[in-house]
Amino acid sequence: MSQTATGTFTATSTTTFEATFTVKDAVKKYTGSFKPPMSTFSSKKVELKYDSPGQLLGQPAFSGEIGITRLSITLSSGVTFTGDLDTAIPAVITIYGEGSWA
C-alpha cells in the first residue's frame, strides 16, 4: 500500500462501527456492521493504507481482529485499518462483516 491517512475508529454499537479519515482534504467515512457482537471500543488514531482512491468507494466486505490493545481490519478491496485501542479489551476477537464508503 503506497498511500496512507490517519483517522478515528469507533464502535457505535455492539455490532456497528464508523471509521473516518481525511484523505487529500476530503473526509472519507467507512461504516460497517460486524459479527460477532462485542463491547464497544474505539481508537483515536487509526492508519488507513490504500493504493488508489478508487479503493475508497463502494461496499467492500471486511475481516479482522480487535483486541487486546490493537485493531487490524482488511477490506476485500485490499484497504487496511490498523491502530491502538483507546482502552484494552480482555481478549482478541475475530470479526467479519460488510460496510460502505461515503
PDB file of N, CA and C in Angstrom:
ATOM      1  N   MET A   1       0.851  -1.175   0.000  1.00  0.00           N
ATOM      2  CA  MET A   1       0.000   0.000   0.000  1.00  0.00           C
ATOM      3  C   MET A   1       0.897   1.239   0.000  1.00  0.00           C
ATOM      4  N   SER A   2       0.637   2.100  -0.933  1.00  0.00           N
ATOM      5  CA  SER A   2       1.534   3.230  -1.087  1.00  0.00           C
ATOM      6  C   SER A   2       1.019   4.538  -0.500  1.00  0.00           C
ATOM      7  N   GLN A   3      -0.265   4.611  -0.178  1.00  0.00           N
ATOM      8  CA  GLN A   3      -0.811   5.854   0.361  1.00  0.00           C
ATOM      9  C   GLN A   3      -1.403   5.594   1.741  1.00  0.00           C
ATOM     10  N   THR A   4      -1.305   6.601   2.616  1.00  0.00           N
ATOM     11  CA  THR A   4      -1.820   6.462   3.977  1.00  0.00           C
ATOM     12  C   THR A   4      -2.591   7.714   4.381  1.00  0.00           C
ATOM     13  N   ALA A   5      -3.440   7.539   5.377  1.00  0.00           N
ATOM     14  CA  ALA A   5      -4.166   8.641   6.006  1.00  0.00           C
ATOM     15  C   ALA A   5      -4.421   8.237   7.450  1.00  0.00           C
ATOM     16  N   THR A   6      -4.602   9.221   8.305  1.00  0.00           N
ATOM     17  CA  THR A   6      -4.881   8.964   9.709  1.00  0.00           C
ATOM     18  C   THR A   6      -6.317   9.363  10.016  1.00  0.00           C
ATOM     19  N   GLY A   7      -6.940   8.599  10.911  1.00  0.00           N
ATOM     20  CA  GLY A   7      -8.314   8.910  11.272  1.00  0.00           C
ATOM     21  C   GLY A   7      -8.705   8.284  12.585  1.00  0.00           C
ATOM     22  N   THR A   8     -10.011   8.113  12.774  1.00  0.00           N
ATOM     23  CA  THR A   8     -10.557   7.540  14.003  1.00  0.00           C
ATOM     24  C   THR A   8     -11.419   6.333  13.674  1.00  0.00           C
ATOM     25  N   PHE A   9     -11.605   5.484  14.671  1.00  0.00           N
ATOM     26  CA  PHE A   9     -12.417   4.276  14.526  1.00  0.00           C
ATOM     27  C   PHE A   9     -13.242   4.144  15.792  1.00  0.00           C
ATOM     28  N   THR A  10     -14.568   4.059  15.664  1.00  0.00           N
ATOM     29  CA  THR A  10     -15.444   3.970  16.826  1.00  0.00           C
ATOM     30  C   THR A  10     -16.521   2.918  16.617  1.00  0.00           C
ATOM     31  N   ALA A  11     -16.626   1.984  17.557  1.00  0.00           N
ATOM     32  CA  ALA A  11     -17.758   1.049  17.560  1.00  0.00           C
ATOM     33  C   ALA A  11     -18.955   1.839  18.082  1.00  0.00           C
ATOM     34  N   THR A  12     -19.934   2.063  17.221  1.00  0.00           N
ATOM     35  CA  THR A  12     -21.090   2.874  17.584  1.00  0.00           C
ATOM     36  C   THR A  12     -22.174   2.065  18.288  1.00  0.00           C
ATOM     37  N   SER A  13     -22.029   0.736  18.251  1.00  0.00           N
ATOM     38  CA  SER A  13     -22.906  -0.174  18.989  1.00  0.00           C
ATOM     39  C   SER A  13     -22.132  -1.482  19.141  1.00  0.00           C
ATOM     40  N   THR A  14     -22.792  -2.518  19.619  1.00  0.00           N
ATOM     41  CA  THR A  14     -22.110  -3.802  19.790  1.00  0.00           C
ATOM     42  C   THR A  14     -21.912  -4.541  18.463  1.00  0.00           C
ATOM     43  N   THR A  15     -22.480  -3.998  17.356  1.00  0.00           N
ATOM     44  CA  THR A  15     -22.329  -4.645  16.048  1.00  0.00           C
ATOM     45  C   THR A  15     -22.053  -3.673  14.902  1.00  0.00           C
ATOM     46  N   THR A  16     -21.823  -2.389  15.172  1.00  0.00           N
ATOM     47  CA  THR A  16     -21.567  -1.420  14.099  1.00  0.00           C
ATOM     48  C   THR A  16     -20.381  -0.529  14.448  1.00  0.00           C
ATOM     49  N   PHE A  17     -19.730   0.005  13.396  1.00  0.00           N
ATOM     50  CA  PHE A  17     -18.632   0.934  13.626  1.00  0.00           C
ATOM     51  C   PHE A  17     -18.574   1.970  12.519  1.00  0.00           C
ATOM     52  N   GLU A  18     -17.839   3.049  12.815  1.00  0.00           N
ATOM     53  CA  GLU A  18     -17.530   4.095  11.851  1.00  0.00           C
ATOM     54  C   GLU A  18     -16.033   4.343  11.876  1.00  0.00           C
ATOM     55  N   ALA A  19     -15.429   4.396  10.702  1.00  0.00           N
ATOM     56  CA  ALA A  19     -14.021   4.778  10.566  1.00  0.00           C
ATOM     57  C   ALA A  19     -13.996   6.017   9.682  1.00  0.00           C
ATOM     58  N   THR A  20     -13.395   7.095  10.175  1.00  0.00           N
ATOM     59  CA  THR A  20     -13.392   8.372   9.463  1.00  0.00           C
ATOM     60  C   THR A  20     -11.959   8.834   9.241  1.00  0.00           C
ATOM     61  N   PHE A  21     -11.652   9.225   8.006  1.00  0.00           N
ATOM     62  CA  PHE A  21     -10.293   9.628   7.634  1.00  0.00           C
ATOM     63  C   PHE A  21     -10.341  10.890   6.783  1.00  0.00           C
ATOM     64  N   THR A  22      -9.283  11.687   6.847  1.00  0.00           N
ATOM     65  CA  THR A  22      -9.118  12.805   5.939  1.00  0.00           C
ATOM     66  C   THR A  22      -8.119  12.375   4.865  1.00  0.00           C
ATOM     67  N   VAL A  23      -8.606  12.291   3.637  1.00  0.00           N
ATOM     68  CA  VAL A  23      -7.798  11.843   2.507  1.00  0.00           C
ATOM     69  C   VAL A  23      -7.726  12.992   1.500  1.00  0.00           C
ATOM     70  N   LYS A  24      -6.548  13.574   1.359  1.00  0.00           N
ATOM     71  CA  LYS A  24      -6.340  14.678   0.414  1.00  0.00           C
ATOM     72  C   LYS A  24      -7.414  15.747   0.572  1.00  0.00           C
ATOM     73  N   ASP A  25      -7.577  16.245   1.789  1.00  0.00           N
ATOM     74  CA  ASP A  25      -8.506  17.327   2.142  1.00  0.00           C
ATOM     75  C   ASP A  25      -9.985  16.954   2.024  1.00  0.00           C
ATOM     76  N   ALA A  26     -10.296  15.687   1.845  1.00  0.00           N
ATOM     77  CA  ALA A  26     -11.691  15.238   1.809  1.00  0.00           C
ATOM     78  C   ALA A  26     -11.915  14.221   2.923  1.00  0.00           C
ATOM     79  N   VAL A  27     -13.068  14.286   3.564  1.00  0.00           N
ATOM     80  CA  VAL A  27     -13.403  13.325   4.613  1.00  0.00           C
ATOM     81  C   VAL A  27     -13.997  12.084   3.964  1.00  0.00           C
ATOM     82  N   LYS A  28     -13.411  10.925   4.280  1.00  0.00           N
ATOM     83  CA  LYS A  28     -13.914   9.630   3.813  1.00  0.00           C
ATOM     84  C   LYS A  28     -14.351   8.837   5.038  1.00  0.00           C
ATOM     85  N   LYS A  29     -15.555   8.258   4.963  1.00  0.00           N
ATOM     86  CA  LYS A  29     -16.096   7.501   6.085  1.00  0.00           C
ATOM     87  C   LYS A  29     -16.490   6.106   5.627  1.00  0.00           C
ATOM     88  N   TYR A  30     -16.025   5.102   6.378  1.00  0.00           N
ATOM     89  CA  TYR A  30     -16.429   3.722   6.130  1.00  0.00           C
ATOM     90  C   TYR A  30     -17.271   3.290   7.327  1.00  0.00           C
ATOM     91  N   THR A  31     -18.506   2.898   7.065  1.00  0.00           N
ATOM     92  CA  THR A  31     -19.426   2.450   8.110  1.00  0.00           C
ATOM     93  C   THR A  31     -19.676   0.969   7.896  1.00  0.00           C
ATOM     94  N   GLY A  32     -19.525   0.174   8.977  1.00  0.00           N
ATOM     95  CA  GLY A  32     -19.674  -1.262   8.838  1.00  0.00           C
ATOM     96  C   GLY A  32     -20.509  -1.901   9.920  1.00  0.00           C
ATOM     97  N   SER A  33     -21.005  -3.091   9.613  1.00  0.00           N
ATOM     98  CA  SER A  33     -21.706  -3.947  10.570  1.00  0.00           C
ATOM     99  C   SER A  33     -20.891  -5.215  10.718  1.00  0.00           C
ATOM    100  N   PHE A  34     -20.640  -5.642  11.966  1.00  0.00           N
ATOM    101  CA  PHE A  34     -19.774  -6.800  12.180  1.00  0.00           C
ATOM    102  C   PHE A  34     -20.414  -7.852  13.068  1.00  0.00           C
ATOM    103  N   LYS A  35     -19.864  -9.050  12.970  1.00  0.00           N
ATOM    104  CA  LYS A  35     -20.220 -10.186  13.818  1.00  0.00           C
ATOM    105  C   LYS A  35     -18.909 -10.760  14.317  1.00  0.00           C
ATOM    106  N   PRO A  36     -18.866 -11.355  15.462  1.00  0.00           N
ATOM    107  CA  PRO A  36     -19.921 -11.448  16.468  1.00  0.00           C
ATOM    108  C   PRO A  36     -20.048 -10.133  17.240  1.00  0.00           C
ATOM    109  N   PRO A  37     -21.162  -9.938  17.949  1.00  0.00           N
ATOM    110  CA  PRO A  37     -21.308  -8.750  18.781  1.00  0.00           C
ATOM    111  C   PRO A  37     -20.235  -8.718  19.876  1.00  0.00           C
ATOM    112  N   MET A  38     -19.809  -7.511  20.231  1.00  0.00           N
ATOM    113  CA  MET A  38     -18.824  -7.353  21.300  1.00  0.00           C
ATOM    114  C   MET A  38     -19.024  -5.990  21.953  1.00  0.00           C
ATOM    115  N   SER A  39     -18.360  -5.776  23.081  1.00  0.00           N
ATOM    116  CA  SER A  39     -18.489  -4.491  23.750  1.00  0.00           C
ATOM    117  C   SER A  39     -17.917  -3.389  22.861  1.00  0.00           C
ATOM    118  N   THR A  40     -18.353  -2.161  23.082  1.00  0.00           N
ATOM    119  CA  THR A  40     -17.898  -1.055  22.257  1.00  0.00           C
ATOM    120  C   THR A  40     -16.415  -0.766  22.517  1.00  0.00           C
ATOM    121  N   PHE A  41     -15.775  -0.204  21.524  1.00  0.00           N
ATOM    122  CA  PHE A  41     -14.347   0.101  21.583  1.00  0.00           C
ATOM    123  C   PHE A  41     -14.078   1.267  20.649  1.00  0.00           C
ATOM    124  N   SER A  42     -12.896   1.864  20.759  1.00  0.00           N
ATOM    125  CA  SER A  42     -12.552   2.973  19.869  1.00  0.00           C
ATOM    126  C   SER A  42     -11.044   3.135  19.774  1.00  0.00           C
ATOM    127  N   SER A  43     -10.646   3.893  18.768  1.00  0.00           N
ATOM    128  CA  SER A  43      -9.252   4.265  18.583  1.00  0.00           C
ATOM    129  C   SER A  43      -9.218   5.682  18.026  1.00  0.00           C
ATOM    130  N   LYS A  44      -8.508   6.563  18.705  1.00  0.00           N
ATOM    131  CA  LYS A  44      -8.417   7.949  18.264  1.00  0.00           C
ATOM    132  C   LYS A  44      -7.382   8.142  17.166  1.00  0.00           C
ATOM    133  N   LYS A  45      -6.563   7.121  16.909  1.00  0.00           N
ATOM    134  CA  LYS A  45      -5.553   7.238  15.860  1.00  0.00           C
ATOM    135  C   LYS A  45      -5.419   5.907  15.119  1.00  0.00           C
ATOM    136  N   VAL A  46      -6.043   5.853  13.937  1.00  0.00           N
ATOM    137  CA  VAL A  46      -6.022   4.662  13.097  1.00  0.00           C
ATOM    138  C   VAL A  46      -5.369   5.044  11.773  1.00  0.00           C
ATOM    139  N   GLU A  47      -4.538   4.149  11.248  1.00  0.00           N
ATOM    140  CA  GLU A  47      -3.907   4.383   9.963  1.00  0.00           C
ATOM    141  C   GLU A  47      -4.663   3.638   8.872  1.00  0.00           C
ATOM    142  N   LEU A  48      -4.999   4.351   7.826  1.00  0.00           N
ATOM    143  CA  LEU A  48      -5.622   3.805   6.624  1.00  0.00           C
ATOM    144  C   LEU A  48      -4.517   3.627   5.594  1.00  0.00           C
ATOM    145  N   LYS A  49      -4.435   2.448   4.979  1.00  0.00           N
ATOM    146  CA  LYS A  49      -3.475   2.207   3.897  1.00  0.00           C
ATOM    147  C   LYS A  49      -4.242   1.760   2.655  1.00  0.00           C
ATOM    148  N   TYR A  50      -3.882   2.354   1.513  1.00  0.00           N
ATOM    149  CA  TYR A  50      -4.549   2.033   0.253  1.00  0.00           C
ATOM    150  C   TYR A  50      -3.603   2.336  -0.906  1.00  0.00           C
ATOM    151  N   ASP A  51      -3.912   1.817  -2.089  1.00  0.00           N
ATOM    152  CA  ASP A  51      -3.094   2.057  -3.278  1.00  0.00           C
ATOM    153  C   ASP A  51      -3.650   3.161  -4.161  1.00  0.00           C
ATOM    154  N   SER A  52      -4.975   3.214  -4.294  1.00  0.00           N
ATOM    155  CA  SER A  52      -5.580   4.219  -5.173  1.00  0.00           C
ATOM    156  C   SER A  52      -6.901   4.708  -4.588  1.00  0.00           C
ATOM    157  N   PRO A  53      -7.301   5.952  -4.910  1.00  0.00           N
ATOM    158  CA  PRO A  53      -8.564   6.483  -4.400  1.00  0.00           C
ATOM    159  C   PRO A  53      -9.775   5.635  -4.765  1.00  0.00           C
ATOM    160  N   GLY A  54      -9.710   4.891  -5.874  1.00  0.00           N
ATOM    161  CA  GLY A  54     -10.824   4.029  -6.273  1.00  0.00           C
ATOM    162  C   GLY A  54     -11.125   2.930  -5.272  1.00  0.00           C
ATOM    163  N   GLN A  55     -10.146   2.600  -4.416  1.00  0.00           N
ATOM    164  CA  GLN A  55     -10.382   1.598  -3.369  1.00  0.00           C
ATOM    165  C   GLN A  55     -11.252   2.139  -2.238  1.00  0.00           C
ATOM    166  N   LEU A  56     -11.455   3.458  -2.193  1.00  0.00           N
ATOM    167  CA  LEU A  56     -12.216   4.084  -1.115  1.00  0.00           C
ATOM    168  C   LEU A  56     -13.639   4.378  -1.564  1.00  0.00           C
ATOM    169  N   LEU A  57     -14.189   3.472  -2.349  1.00  0.00           N
ATOM    170  CA  LEU A  57     -15.548   3.570  -2.876  1.00  0.00           C
ATOM    171  C   LEU A  57     -16.250   2.229  -2.724  1.00  0.00           C
ATOM    172  N   GLY A  58     -17.566   2.250  -2.794  1.00  0.00           N
ATOM    173  CA  GLY A  58     -18.322   1.006  -2.851  1.00  0.00           C
ATOM    174  C   GLY A  58     -18.635   0.400  -1.497  1.00  0.00           C
ATOM    175  N   GLN A  59     -18.874  -0.906  -1.519  1.00  0.00           N
ATOM    176  CA  GLN A  59     -19.343  -1.630  -0.340  1.00  0.00           C
ATOM    177  C   GLN A  59     -18.517  -2.893  -0.110  1.00  0.00           C
ATOM    178  N   PRO A  60     -17.221  -2.754   0.140  1.00  0.00           N
ATOM    179  CA  PRO A  60     -16.396  -3.948   0.355  1.00  0.00           C
ATOM    180  C   PRO A  60     -16.661  -4.619   1.704  1.00  0.00           C
ATOM    181  N   ALA A  61     -16.605  -5.933   1.706  1.00  0.00           N
ATOM    182  CA  ALA A  61     -16.678  -6.703   2.953  1.00  0.00           C
ATOM    183  C   ALA A  61     -15.342  -6.563   3.679  1.00  0.00           C
ATOM    184  N   PHE A  62     -15.281  -7.042   4.919  1.00  0.00           N
ATOM    185  CA  PHE A  62     -14.043  -6.944   5.684  1.00  0.00           C
ATOM    186  C   PHE A  62     -13.921  -8.106   6.657  1.00  0.00           C
ATOM    187  N   SER A  63     -12.701  -8.288   7.149  1.00  0.00           N
ATOM    188  CA  SER A  63     -12.443  -9.204   8.260  1.00  0.00           C
ATOM    189  C   SER A  63     -11.282  -8.616   9.044  1.00  0.00           C
ATOM    190  N   GLY A  64     -11.146  -9.055  10.289  1.00  0.00           N
ATOM    191  CA  GLY A  64     -10.056  -8.522  11.094  1.00  0.00           C
ATOM    192  C   GLY A  64     -10.089  -9.014  12.522  1.00  0.00           C
ATOM    193  N   GLU A  65      -9.216  -8.406  13.329  1.00  0.00           N
ATOM    194  CA  GLU A  65      -9.124  -8.738  14.748  1.00  0.00           C
ATOM    195  C   GLU A  65      -9.160  -7.464  15.580  1.00  0.00           C
ATOM    196  N   ILE A  66      -9.877  -7.557  16.702  1.00  0.00           N
ATOM    197  CA  ILE A  66      -9.945  -6.466  17.668  1.00  0.00           C
ATOM    198  C   ILE A  66      -9.438  -7.012  18.995  1.00  0.00           C
ATOM    199  N   GLY A  67      -8.487  -6.329  19.635  1.00  0.00           N
ATOM    200  CA  GLY A  67      -8.003  -6.716  20.964  1.00  0.00           C
ATOM    201  C   GLY A  67      -6.578  -7.211  20.922  1.00  0.00           C
ATOM    202  N   ILE A  68      -6.005  -7.405  21.951  1.00  0.00           N
ATOM    203  CA  ILE A  68      -6.310  -6.909  23.283  1.00  0.00           C
ATOM    204  C   ILE A  68      -6.089  -5.390  23.331  1.00  0.00           C
ATOM    205  N   THR A  69      -5.049  -4.917  22.639  1.00  0.00           N
ATOM    206  CA  THR A  69      -4.761  -3.485  22.625  1.00  0.00           C
ATOM    207  C   THR A  69      -4.750  -2.889  21.223  1.00  0.00           C
ATOM    208  N   ARG A  70      -5.003  -3.707  20.179  1.00  0.00           N
ATOM    209  CA  ARG A  70      -4.905  -3.228  18.796  1.00  0.00           C
ATOM    210  C   ARG A  70      -6.123  -3.622  17.972  1.00  0.00           C
ATOM    211  N   LEU A  71      -6.293  -2.934  16.869  1.00  0.00           N
ATOM    212  CA  LEU A  71      -7.280  -3.348  15.883  1.00  0.00           C
ATOM    213  C   LEU A  71      -6.583  -3.458  14.532  1.00  0.00           C
ATOM    214  N   SER A  72      -7.014  -4.425  13.752  1.00  0.00           N
ATOM    215  CA  SER A  72      -6.460  -4.650  12.425  1.00  0.00           C
ATOM    216  C   SER A  72      -7.576  -5.185  11.542  1.00  0.00           C
ATOM    217  N   ILE A  73      -7.943  -4.421  10.532  1.00  0.00           N
ATOM    218  CA  ILE A  73      -9.051  -4.791   9.652  1.00  0.00           C
ATOM    219  C   ILE A  73      -8.593  -4.685   8.202  1.00  0.00           C
ATOM    220  N   THR A  74      -8.965  -5.665   7.392  1.00  0.00           N
ATOM    221  CA  THR A  74      -8.649  -5.648   5.963  1.00  0.00           C
ATOM    222  C   THR A  74      -9.949  -5.734   5.176  1.00  0.00           C
ATOM    223  N   LEU A  75     -10.148  -4.780   4.279  1.00  0.00           N
ATOM    224  CA  LEU A  75     -11.321  -4.787   3.410  1.00  0.00           C
ATOM    225  C   LEU A  75     -11.051  -5.679   2.202  1.00  0.00           C
ATOM    226  N   SER A  76     -12.102  -6.180   1.577  1.00  0.00           N
ATOM    227  CA  SER A  76     -11.939  -7.042   0.405  1.00  0.00           C
ATOM    228  C   SER A  76     -11.279  -6.307  -0.759  1.00  0.00           C
ATOM    229  N   SER A  77     -11.275  -4.992  -0.722  1.00  0.00           N
ATOM    230  CA  SER A  77     -10.621  -4.180  -1.753  1.00  0.00           C
ATOM    231  C   SER A  77      -9.120  -4.053  -1.526  1.00  0.00           C
ATOM    232  N   GLY A  78      -8.627  -4.600  -0.397  1.00  0.00           N
ATOM    233  CA  GLY A  78      -7.209  -4.532  -0.077  1.00  0.00           C
ATOM    234  C   GLY A  78      -6.838  -3.418   0.879  1.00  0.00           C
ATOM    235  N   VAL A  79      -7.754  -2.509   1.169  1.00  0.00           N
ATOM    236  CA  VAL A  79      -7.524  -1.413   2.114  1.00  0.00           C
ATOM    237  C   VAL A  79      -7.373  -1.984   3.520  1.00  0.00           C
ATOM    238  N   THR A  80      -6.499  -1.387   4.340  1.00  0.00           N
ATOM    239  CA  THR A  80      -6.351  -1.823   5.730  1.00  0.00           C
ATOM    240  C   THR A  80      -6.533  -0.658   6.690  1.00  0.00           C
ATOM    241  N   PHE A  81      -7.048  -0.983   7.894  1.00  0.00           N
ATOM    242  CA  PHE A  81      -7.128  -0.058   9.027  1.00  0.00           C
ATOM    243  C   PHE A  81      -6.341  -0.709  10.160  1.00  0.00           C
ATOM    244  N   THR A  82      -5.410   0.003  10.771  1.00  0.00           N
ATOM    245  CA  THR A  82      -4.684  -0.517  11.934  1.00  0.00           C
ATOM    246  C   THR A  82      -4.514   0.595  12.955  1.00  0.00           C
ATOM    247  N   GLY A  83      -4.521   0.218  14.233  1.00  0.00           N
ATOM    248  CA  GLY A  83      -4.308   1.210  15.283  1.00  0.00           C
ATOM    249  C   GLY A  83      -4.376   0.605  16.659  1.00  0.00           C
ATOM    250  N   ASP A  84      -4.036   1.421  17.646  1.00  0.00           N
ATOM    251  CA  ASP A  84      -4.114   1.025  19.053  1.00  0.00           C
ATOM    252  C   ASP A  84      -5.480   1.383  19.614  1.00  0.00           C
ATOM    253  N   LEU A  85      -6.059   0.493  20.392  1.00  0.00           N
ATOM    254  CA  LEU A  85      -7.332   0.774  21.050  1.00  0.00           C
ATOM    255  C   LEU A  85      -7.129   1.816  22.152  1.00  0.00           C
ATOM    256  N   ASP A  86      -8.130   2.654  22.358  1.00  0.00           N
ATOM    257  CA  ASP A  86      -8.056   3.646  23.439  1.00  0.00           C
ATOM    258  C   ASP A  86      -8.060   2.973  24.801  1.00  0.00           C
ATOM    259  N   THR A  87      -8.808   1.877  24.920  1.00  0.00           N
ATOM    260  CA  THR A  87      -8.886   1.098  26.155  1.00  0.00           C
ATOM    261  C   THR A  87      -8.776  -0.376  25.781  1.00  0.00           C
ATOM    262  N   ALA A  88      -7.924  -1.096  26.479  1.00  0.00           N
ATOM    263  CA  ALA A  88      -7.746  -2.523  26.195  1.00  0.00           C
ATOM    264  C   ALA A  88      -9.043  -3.292  26.438  1.00  0.00           C
ATOM    265  N   ILE A  89      -9.223  -4.363  25.672  1.00  0.00           N
ATOM    266  CA  ILE A  89     -10.335  -5.279  25.914  1.00  0.00           C
ATOM    267  C   ILE A  89      -9.739  -6.622  26.337  1.00  0.00           C
ATOM    268  N   PRO A  90     -10.509  -7.494  26.985  1.00  0.00           N
ATOM    269  CA  PRO A  90      -9.933  -8.681  27.615  1.00  0.00           C
ATOM    270  C   PRO A  90      -9.416  -9.783  26.692  1.00  0.00           C
ATOM    271  N   ALA A  91      -9.819  -9.799  25.428  1.00  0.00           N
ATOM    272  CA  ALA A  91      -9.415 -10.906  24.541  1.00  0.00           C
ATOM    273  C   ALA A  91      -9.348 -10.415  23.104  1.00  0.00           C
ATOM    274  N   VAL A  92      -8.656 -11.153  22.252  1.00  0.00           N
ATOM    275  CA  VAL A  92      -8.636 -10.874  20.817  1.00  0.00           C
ATOM    276  C   VAL A  92      -9.871 -11.530  20.205  1.00  0.00           C
ATOM    277  N   ILE A  93     -10.625 -10.759  19.438  1.00  0.00           N
ATOM    278  CA  ILE A  93     -11.845 -11.255  18.816  1.00  0.00           C
ATOM    279  C   ILE A  93     -11.735 -11.080  17.310  1.00  0.00           C
ATOM    280  N   THR A  94     -11.988 -12.133  16.566  1.00  0.00           N
ATOM    281  CA  THR A  94     -12.002 -12.068  15.105  1.00  0.00           C
ATOM    282  C   THR A  94     -13.386 -11.616  14.668  1.00  0.00           C
ATOM    283  N   ILE A  95     -13.421 -10.563  13.839  1.00  0.00           N
ATOM    284  CA  ILE A  95     -14.700 -10.052  13.351  1.00  0.00           C
ATOM    285  C   ILE A  95     -14.747 -10.129  11.828  1.00  0.00           C
ATOM    286  N   TYR A  96     -15.959 -10.041  11.291  1.00  0.00           N
ATOM    287  CA  TYR A  96     -16.167 -10.007   9.850  1.00  0.00           C
ATOM    288  C   TYR A  96     -17.480  -9.308   9.585  1.00  0.00           C
ATOM    289  N   GLY A  97     -17.654  -8.823   8.377  1.00  0.00           N
ATOM    290  CA  GLY A  97     -18.903  -8.158   8.044  1.00  0.00           C
ATOM    291  C   GLY A  97     -18.829  -7.399   6.740  1.00  0.00           C
ATOM    292  N   GLU A  98     -19.745  -6.438   6.604  1.00  0.00           N
ATOM    293  CA  GLU A  98     -19.843  -5.640   5.398  1.00  0.00           C
ATOM    294  C   GLU A  98     -19.977  -4.182   5.776  1.00  0.00           C
ATOM    295  N   GLY A  99     -19.616  -3.329   4.834  1.00  0.00           N
ATOM    296  CA  GLY A  99     -19.713  -1.901   5.088  1.00  0.00           C
ATOM    297  C   GLY A  99     -19.759  -1.129   3.781  1.00  0.00           C
ATOM    298  N   SER A 100     -19.750   0.201   3.905  1.00  0.00           N
ATOM    299  CA  SER A 100     -19.774   1.044   2.723  1.00  0.00           C
ATOM    300  C   SER A 100     -19.033   2.350   2.975  1.00  0.00           C
ATOM    301  N   TRP A 101     -18.452   2.885   1.906  1.00  0.00           N
ATOM    302  CA  TRP A 101     -17.757   4.177   1.939  1.00  0.00           C
ATOM    303  C   TRP A 101     -18.736   5.295   1.642  1.00  0.00           C
ATOM    304  N   ALA A 102     -18.534   6.420   2.290  1.00  0.00           N
ATOM    305  CA  ALA A 102     -19.312   7.632   1.999  1.00  0.00           C
ATOM    306  C   ALA A 102     -18.366   8.808   1.983  1.00  0.00           C
TER     307      ALA A 102
END
